[in-house]
C-alpha atoms as a PDB file:
ATOM      1  CA  MET A   1    -103.978  83.575 -94.813  1.00  0.00           C
ATOM      2  CA  SER A   2    -105.626  80.137 -93.054  1.00  0.00           C
ATOM      3  CA  THR A   3    -109.514  80.118 -91.718  1.00  0.00           C
ATOM      4  CA  ARG A   4    -107.696  80.523 -88.593  1.00  0.00           C
ATOM      5  CA  SER A   5    -105.704  83.761 -88.836  1.00  0.00           C
ATOM      6  CA  ARG A   6    -109.006  85.107 -90.699  1.00  0.00           C
ATOM      7  CA  ILE A   7    -110.978  84.596 -87.299  1.00  0.00           C
ATOM      8  CA  ALA A   8    -108.601  85.876 -85.429  1.00  0.00           C
ATOM      9  CA  LEU A   9    -107.937  88.904 -87.132  1.00  0.00           C
ATOM     10  CA  THR A  10    -111.098  89.406 -87.619  1.00  0.00           C
ATOM     11  CA  SER A  11    -111.792  89.305 -84.001  1.00  0.00           C
ATOM     12  CA  LEU A  12    -108.841  91.464 -83.178  1.00  0.00           C
ATOM     13  CA  ILE A  13    -110.741  94.241 -85.265  1.00  0.00           C
ATOM     14  CA  LEU A  14    -114.120  93.845 -83.762  1.00  0.00           C
ATOM     15  CA  ALA A  15    -112.134  94.155 -80.706  1.00  0.00           C
ATOM     16  CA  LEU A  16    -110.625  97.059 -81.908  1.00  0.00           C
ATOM     17  CA  ALA A  17    -113.734  98.582 -83.601  1.00  0.00           C
ATOM     18  CA  CYS A  18    -115.850  97.631 -80.113  1.00  0.00           C
ATOM     19  CA  GLY A  19    -113.889  99.738 -77.471  1.00  0.00           C
ATOM     20  CA  ALA A  20    -113.529 102.713 -80.061  1.00  0.00           C
ATOM     21  CA  SER A  21    -117.290 102.699 -81.112  1.00  0.00           C
ATOM     22  CA  ALA A  22    -118.101 103.039 -76.826  1.00  0.00           C
ATOM     23  CA  SER A  23    -115.508 104.966 -75.847  1.00  0.00           C
ATOM     24  CA  GLN A  24    -116.695 107.880 -78.721  1.00  0.00           C
ATOM     25  CA  ALA A  25    -120.724 106.520 -78.800  1.00  0.00           C
ATOM     26  CA  ARG A  26    -123.011 109.257 -78.870  1.00  0.00           C
ATOM     27  CA  GLU A  27    -125.573 106.749 -78.635  1.00  0.00           C
ATOM     28  CA  ILE A  28    -126.041 103.195 -77.302  1.00  0.00           C
ATOM     29  CA  TYR A  29    -128.905 100.843 -77.986  1.00  0.00           C
ATOM     30  CA  ILE A  30    -129.727  96.945 -77.887  1.00  0.00           C
ATOM     31  CA  SER A  31    -131.597  95.075 -80.146  1.00  0.00           C
ATOM     32  CA  PRO A  32    -133.122  91.675 -79.692  1.00  0.00           C
ATOM     33  CA  MET A  33    -133.672  90.202 -83.465  1.00  0.00           C
ATOM     34  CA  ALA A  34    -135.688  86.875 -84.598  1.00  0.00           C
ATOM     35  CA  GLY A  35    -136.396  86.143 -88.441  1.00  0.00           C
ATOM     36  CA  TYR A  36    -135.283  83.546 -90.833  1.00  0.00           C
ATOM     37  CA  THR A  37    -132.716  82.337 -92.561  1.00  0.00           C
ATOM     38  CA  THR A  38    -132.699  80.814 -95.994  1.00  0.00           C
ATOM     39  CA  ALA A  39    -130.964  77.410 -96.558  1.00  0.00           C
ATOM     40  CA  GLY A  40    -127.833  77.229 -98.999  1.00  0.00           C
ATOM     41  CA  ASN A  41    -126.230  74.185-100.590  1.00  0.00           C
ATOM     42  CA  LEU A  42    -122.746  73.101 -99.361  1.00  0.00           C
ATOM     43  CA  GLU A  43    -120.387  73.471-102.303  1.00  0.00           C
ATOM     44  CA  LEU A  44    -117.743  70.750-101.706  1.00  0.00           C
ATOM     45  CA  GLY A  45    -116.176  70.248-105.116  1.00  0.00           C
ATOM     46  CA  GLU A  46    -116.701  67.323-107.638  1.00  0.00           C
ATOM     47  CA  ASN A  47    -114.989  64.515-105.931  1.00  0.00           C
ATOM     48  CA  ASP A  48    -117.419  65.294-102.736  1.00  0.00           C
ATOM     49  CA  LEU A  49    -120.520  64.446-101.577  1.00  0.00           C
ATOM     50  CA  GLN A  50    -123.019  66.266-103.563  1.00  0.00           C
ATOM     51  CA  ASP A  51    -126.212  67.889-103.202  1.00  0.00           C
ATOM     52  CA  VAL A  52    -125.712  68.626 -99.420  1.00  0.00           C
ATOM     53  CA  LYS A  53    -127.516  71.063 -97.845  1.00  0.00           C
ATOM     54  CA  VAL A  54    -128.348  73.442 -94.585  1.00  0.00           C
ATOM     55  CA  GLU A  55    -131.929  74.044 -94.477  1.00  0.00           C
ATOM     56  CA  GLY A  56    -133.475  77.040 -93.999  1.00  0.00           C
ATOM     57  CA  GLY A  57    -134.753  77.554 -90.094  1.00  0.00           C
ATOM     58  CA  LEU A  58    -135.166  80.188 -87.338  1.00  0.00           C
ATOM     59  CA  THR A  59    -133.039  82.821 -86.850  1.00  0.00           C
ATOM     60  CA  TRP A  60    -132.605  84.530 -82.999  1.00  0.00           C
ATOM     61  CA  GLY A  61    -129.769  86.586 -81.637  1.00  0.00           C
ATOM     62  CA  GLY A  62    -129.383  90.455 -81.536  1.00  0.00           C
ATOM     63  CA  GLN A  63    -127.022  93.729 -81.478  1.00  0.00           C
ATOM     64  CA  ILE A  64    -125.297  96.433 -79.551  1.00  0.00           C
ATOM     65  CA  GLY A  65    -125.151  99.447 -81.327  1.00  0.00           C
ATOM     66  CA  PHE A  66    -122.414 102.649 -80.880  1.00  0.00           C
ATOM     67  CA  MET A  67    -123.557 105.651 -83.165  1.00  0.00           C
ATOM     68  CA  ALA A  68    -120.036 107.237 -83.025  1.00  0.00           C
ATOM     69  CA  HIS A  69    -121.672 110.068 -84.948  1.00  0.00           C
ATOM     70  CA  GLU A  70    -124.643 111.234 -87.415  1.00  0.00           C
ATOM     71  CA  GLY A  71    -125.118 108.629 -90.139  1.00  0.00           C
ATOM     72  CA  PHE A  72    -122.746 105.822 -89.188  1.00  0.00           C
ATOM     73  CA  THR A  73    -122.995 102.890 -86.311  1.00  0.00           C
ATOM     74  CA  PHE A  74    -121.121 100.507 -85.181  1.00  0.00           C
ATOM     75  CA  GLU A  75    -122.730  96.700 -84.542  1.00  0.00           C
ATOM     76  CA  ALA A  76    -120.921  93.967 -82.403  1.00  0.00           C
ATOM     77  CA  SER A  77    -124.401  91.159 -83.547  1.00  0.00           C
ATOM     78  CA  TYR A  78    -124.337  87.591 -82.757  1.00  0.00           C
ATOM     79  CA  MET A  79    -126.680  85.545 -84.608  1.00  0.00           C
ATOM     80  CA  GLN A  80    -127.737  81.528 -84.228  1.00  0.00           C
ATOM     81  CA  GLN A  81    -129.849  79.761 -86.801  1.00  0.00           C
ATOM     82  CA  GLU A  82    -131.759  76.242 -86.318  1.00  0.00           C
ATOM     83  CA  SER A  83    -131.161  74.295 -88.809  1.00  0.00           C
ATOM     84  CA  HIS A  84    -130.092  70.512 -89.662  1.00  0.00           C
ATOM     85  CA  LEU A  85    -127.699  69.104 -92.359  1.00  0.00           C
ATOM     86  CA  THR A  86    -129.563  67.046 -95.356  1.00  0.00           C
ATOM     87  CA  VAL A  87    -128.020  65.010 -97.985  1.00  0.00           C
ATOM     88  CA  ALA A  88    -130.183  64.470-101.831  1.00  0.00           C
ATOM     89  CA  GLY A  89    -132.873  65.728 -99.410  1.00  0.00           C
ATOM     90  CA  THR A  90    -132.585  63.394 -96.354  1.00  0.00           C
ATOM     91  CA  ASP A  91    -132.086  64.963 -93.172  1.00  0.00           C
ATOM     92  CA  ILE A  92    -128.646  63.878 -91.736  1.00  0.00           C
ATOM     93  CA  ILE A  93    -128.269  65.402 -88.276  1.00  0.00           C
ATOM     94  CA  GLY A  94    -128.961  68.850 -86.135  1.00  0.00           C
ATOM     95  CA  LEU A  95    -126.868  71.827 -86.663  1.00  0.00           C
ATOM     96  CA  LYS A  96    -126.873  75.189 -85.355  1.00  0.00           C
ATOM     97  CA  VAL A  97    -125.416  77.693 -87.164  1.00  0.00           C
ATOM     98  CA  GLY A  98    -123.993  81.040 -85.035  1.00  0.00           C
ATOM     99  CA  GLN A  99    -122.532  84.302 -86.724  1.00  0.00           C
ATOM    100  CA  LEU A 100    -120.602  86.618 -85.181  1.00  0.00           C
ATOM    101  CA  HIS A 101    -119.669  89.934 -86.904  1.00  0.00           C
ATOM    102  CA  GLY A 102    -119.004  93.672 -86.598  1.00  0.00           C
ATOM    103  CA  ASN A 103    -121.505  95.378 -88.662  1.00  0.00           C
ATOM    104  CA  PHE A 104    -121.181  98.932 -89.705  1.00  0.00           C
ATOM    105  CA  LEU A 105    -124.139 100.838 -90.598  1.00  0.00           C
ATOM    106  CA  PHE A 106    -124.926 103.494 -92.859  1.00  0.00           C
ATOM    107  CA  GLU A 107    -127.893 105.595 -92.618  1.00  0.00           C
ATOM    108  CA  LYS A 108    -129.916 108.008 -94.688  1.00  0.00           C
ATOM    109  CA  ILE A 109    -130.548 110.784 -91.687  1.00  0.00           C
ATOM    110  CA  LYS A 110    -133.509 112.957 -92.838  1.00  0.00           C
ATOM    111  CA  TYR A 111    -134.217 115.908 -90.703  1.00  0.00           C
ATOM    112  CA  GLY A 112    -137.054 115.788 -88.429  1.00  0.00           C
ATOM    113  CA  SER A 113    -137.837 112.210 -89.609  1.00  0.00           C
ATOM    114  CA  THR A 114    -138.035 109.009 -87.132  1.00  0.00           C
ATOM    115  CA  THR A 115    -137.706 106.877 -90.224  1.00  0.00           C
ATOM    116  CA  HIS A 116    -133.909 106.005 -91.218  1.00  0.00           C
ATOM    117  CA  PRO A 117    -133.370 103.272 -93.780  1.00  0.00           C
ATOM    118  CA  TYR A 118    -129.557 101.993 -93.936  1.00  0.00           C
ATOM    119  CA  PHE A 119    -126.995 100.027 -95.508  1.00  0.00           C
ATOM    120  CA  LEU A 120    -124.747  97.385 -93.591  1.00  0.00           C
ATOM    121  CA  LEU A 121    -121.397  95.457 -94.513  1.00  0.00           C
ATOM    122  CA  GLY A 122    -120.393  93.085 -91.546  1.00  0.00           C
ATOM    123  CA  LEU A 123    -117.483  91.057 -91.271  1.00  0.00           C
ATOM    124  CA  GLY A 124    -116.460  88.020 -88.656  1.00  0.00           C
ATOM    125  CA  ALA A 125    -117.133  84.192 -88.733  1.00  0.00           C
ATOM    126  CA  THR A 126    -119.814  81.691 -88.672  1.00  0.00           C
ATOM    127  CA  PHE A 127    -119.400  78.491 -86.495  1.00  0.00           C
ATOM    128  CA  PHE A 128    -121.528  74.994 -87.008  1.00  0.00           C
ATOM    129  CA  ASN A 129    -122.162  73.428 -84.546  1.00  0.00           C
ATOM    130  CA  PRO A 130    -123.393  69.714 -85.306  1.00  0.00           C
ATOM    131  CA  ASP A 131    -125.477  67.767 -82.469  1.00  0.00           C
ATOM    132  CA  GLN A 132    -124.418  64.289 -81.341  1.00  0.00           C
ATOM    133  CA  GLY A 133    -120.559  65.433 -79.831  1.00  0.00           C
ATOM    134  CA  PHE A 134    -119.102  66.535 -83.235  1.00  0.00           C
ATOM    135  CA  ASP A 135    -116.812  69.449 -83.072  1.00  0.00           C
ATOM    136  CA  THR A 136    -117.664  73.045 -83.984  1.00  0.00           C
ATOM    137  CA  VAL A 137    -116.441  74.126 -87.362  1.00  0.00           C
ATOM    138  CA  SER A 138    -115.361  78.321 -88.186  1.00  0.00           C
ATOM    139  CA  ARG A 139    -115.361  79.663 -90.688  1.00  0.00           C
ATOM    140  CA  PHE A 140    -114.649  83.570 -91.932  1.00  0.00           C
ATOM    141  CA  SER A 141    -117.886  85.007 -92.720  1.00  0.00           C
ATOM    142  CA  LEU A 142    -118.987  88.688 -94.691  1.00  0.00           C
ATOM    143  CA  ALA A 143    -122.291  90.177 -94.834  1.00  0.00           C
ATOM    144  CA  LEU A 144    -124.656  92.612 -97.263  1.00  0.00           C
ATOM    145  CA  GLY A 145    -127.439  94.017 -96.735  1.00  0.00           C
ATOM    146  CA  GLY A 146    -129.696  96.788 -95.431  1.00  0.00           C
ATOM    147  CA  GLY A 147    -132.590  97.785 -93.843  1.00  0.00           C
ATOM    148  CA  VAL A 148    -135.117 100.222 -91.714  1.00  0.00           C
ATOM    149  CA  LYS A 149    -134.859 101.834 -87.982  1.00  0.00           C
ATOM    150  CA  VAL A 150    -137.994 103.481 -86.826  1.00  0.00           C
ATOM    151  CA  GLU A 151    -136.609 105.192 -83.622  1.00  0.00           C
ATOM    152  CA  GLY A 152    -138.367 106.365 -80.781  1.00  0.00           C
ATOM    153  CA  GLU A 153    -137.648 108.277 -77.730  1.00  0.00           C
ATOM    154  CA  LYS A 154    -136.269 104.981 -75.920  1.00  0.00           C
ATOM    155  CA  ILE A 155    -137.492 101.734 -78.389  1.00  0.00           C
ATOM    156  CA  GLY A 156    -138.362 101.726 -81.842  1.00  0.00           C
ATOM    157  CA  LEU A 157    -138.374  98.965 -84.391  1.00  0.00           C
ATOM    158  CA  LYS A 158    -135.625  97.424 -86.885  1.00  0.00           C
ATOM    159  CA  LEU A 159    -136.298  95.474 -89.855  1.00  0.00           C
ATOM    160  CA  GLN A 160    -133.025  93.807 -91.607  1.00  0.00           C
ATOM    161  CA  ALA A 161    -132.344  91.105 -94.827  1.00  0.00           C
ATOM    162  CA  LYS A 162    -128.640  90.116 -95.542  1.00  0.00           C
ATOM    163  CA  TYR A 163    -126.804  88.118 -97.729  1.00  0.00           C
ATOM    164  CA  ASN A 164    -124.263  86.092 -95.763  1.00  0.00           C
ATOM    165  CA  PRO A 165    -121.656  84.501 -97.951  1.00  0.00           C
ATOM    166  CA  THR A 166    -119.171  82.040 -95.346  1.00  0.00           C
ATOM    167  CA  TYR A 167    -116.527  80.867 -96.619  1.00  0.00           C
ATOM    168  CA  LEU A 168    -115.759  76.847 -96.891  1.00  0.00           C
ATOM    169  CA  ASN A 169    -112.319  75.905 -98.587  1.00  0.00           C
ATOM    170  CA  ASP A 170    -110.922  76.022-101.779  1.00  0.00           C
ATOM    171  CA  ASP A 171    -110.798  73.674-104.842  1.00  0.00           C
ATOM    172  CA  TRP A 172    -108.338  73.270-107.608  1.00  0.00           C
ATOM    173  CA  GLY A 173    -109.998  75.833-110.186  1.00  0.00           C
ATOM    174  CA  GLY A 174    -107.777  74.685-112.896  1.00  0.00           C
ATOM    175  CA  THR A 175    -104.703  76.389-114.349  1.00  0.00           C
ATOM    176  CA  TRP A 176    -103.711  79.640-116.103  1.00  0.00           C
ATOM    177  CA  CYS A 177    -100.604  80.546-118.116  1.00  0.00           C
ATOM    178  CA  ASP A 178     -99.570  84.116-119.140  1.00  0.00           C
ATOM    179  CA  PRO A 179     -96.280  84.160-121.719  1.00  0.00           C
ATOM    180  CA  PHE A 180     -94.142  83.632-118.820  1.00  0.00           C
ATOM    181  CA  TYR A 181     -95.374  80.939-116.464  1.00  0.00           C
ATOM    182  CA  CYS A 182     -98.149  79.214-115.657  1.00  0.00           C
ATOM    183  CA  TYR A 183    -100.173  79.300-112.082  1.00  0.00           C
ATOM    184  CA  SER A 184    -102.586  76.742-110.523  1.00  0.00           C
ATOM    185  CA  VAL A 185    -106.318  78.753-109.657  1.00  0.00           C
ATOM    186  CA  ALA A 186    -108.427  78.161-106.632  1.00  0.00           C
ATOM    187  CA  ASP A 187    -112.071  77.724-106.781  1.00  0.00           C
ATOM    188  CA  PRO A 188    -113.105  78.732-103.769  1.00  0.00           C
ATOM    189  CA  ASP A 189    -116.636  77.135-102.585  1.00  0.00           C
ATOM    190  CA  TYR A 190    -119.229  79.725-100.084  1.00  0.00           C
ATOM    191  CA  LEU A 191    -122.175  78.987 -98.431  1.00  0.00           C
ATOM    192  CA  ASP A 192    -125.035  81.395 -99.547  1.00  0.00           C
ATOM    193  CA  GLN A 193    -127.626  82.462 -97.445  1.00  0.00           C
ATOM    194  CA  GLY A 194    -130.106  84.995 -97.163  1.00  0.00           C
ATOM    195  CA  GLU A 195    -131.371  85.810 -93.158  1.00  0.00           C
ATOM    196  CA  PHE A 196    -134.851  88.421 -92.849  1.00  0.00           C
ATOM    197  CA  THR A 197    -134.926  89.556 -89.073  1.00  0.00           C
ATOM    198  CA  ALA A 198    -136.977  92.066 -87.134  1.00  0.00           C
ATOM    199  CA  GLY A 199    -136.890  93.047 -83.738  1.00  0.00           C
ATOM    200  CA  LEU A 200    -137.129  96.191 -81.055  1.00  0.00           C
ATOM    201  CA  MET A 201    -134.316  98.897 -80.106  1.00  0.00           C
ATOM    202  CA  TYR A 202    -133.927  99.994 -76.514  1.00  0.00           C
ATOM    203  CA  LYS A 203    -131.996 102.989 -76.246  1.00  0.00           C
ATOM    204  CA  LEU A 204    -129.566 102.825 -72.973  1.00  0.00           C
ATOM    205  CA  GLY A 205    -129.254 106.159 -70.643  1.00  0.00           C
ATOM    206  CA  HIS A 206    -130.219 109.169 -71.754  1.00  0.00           C
END
């Protein structure tokens, strides 16, 4: 499946999940977030440029969350990192890295407690938008992480940490043979980054 097909399929899943979650939600909240995303090396293969890095930078954005039932929440999330691309430590070009994800939050609910830790699984697309008129490039991406919600009656606090691997492309990884055939093996390249954010939660409705 091509990257474009992955992104189209992911967008359809996110739209369906968001619509279903909104219609069944027991609670809806919005959460503006800000923080920092770590630097990551761009793996470009043995025959391409080496030591190419997306530098760490300020990250901002937000989520809208739909709690379908106690202990499970679906979020539509967009986060953007302000960064730049470097080669061997030399700044080459400014870069904005946007990430549109659907996040599935599995919360540990303890009766009477306003503090809810959670595990997060996300999937969606990452958009690389360079300065100086270059085209935006999109790639399929995942997210694994966790955090904690400190909930009030209307306003709460949210702290979150994520590991964000973004698929870039496939290199030739060699040949594998069984007793009958030999196969070419792909070596996928990823951009690996960590994201650390905090923000408020505002509950909508009553």
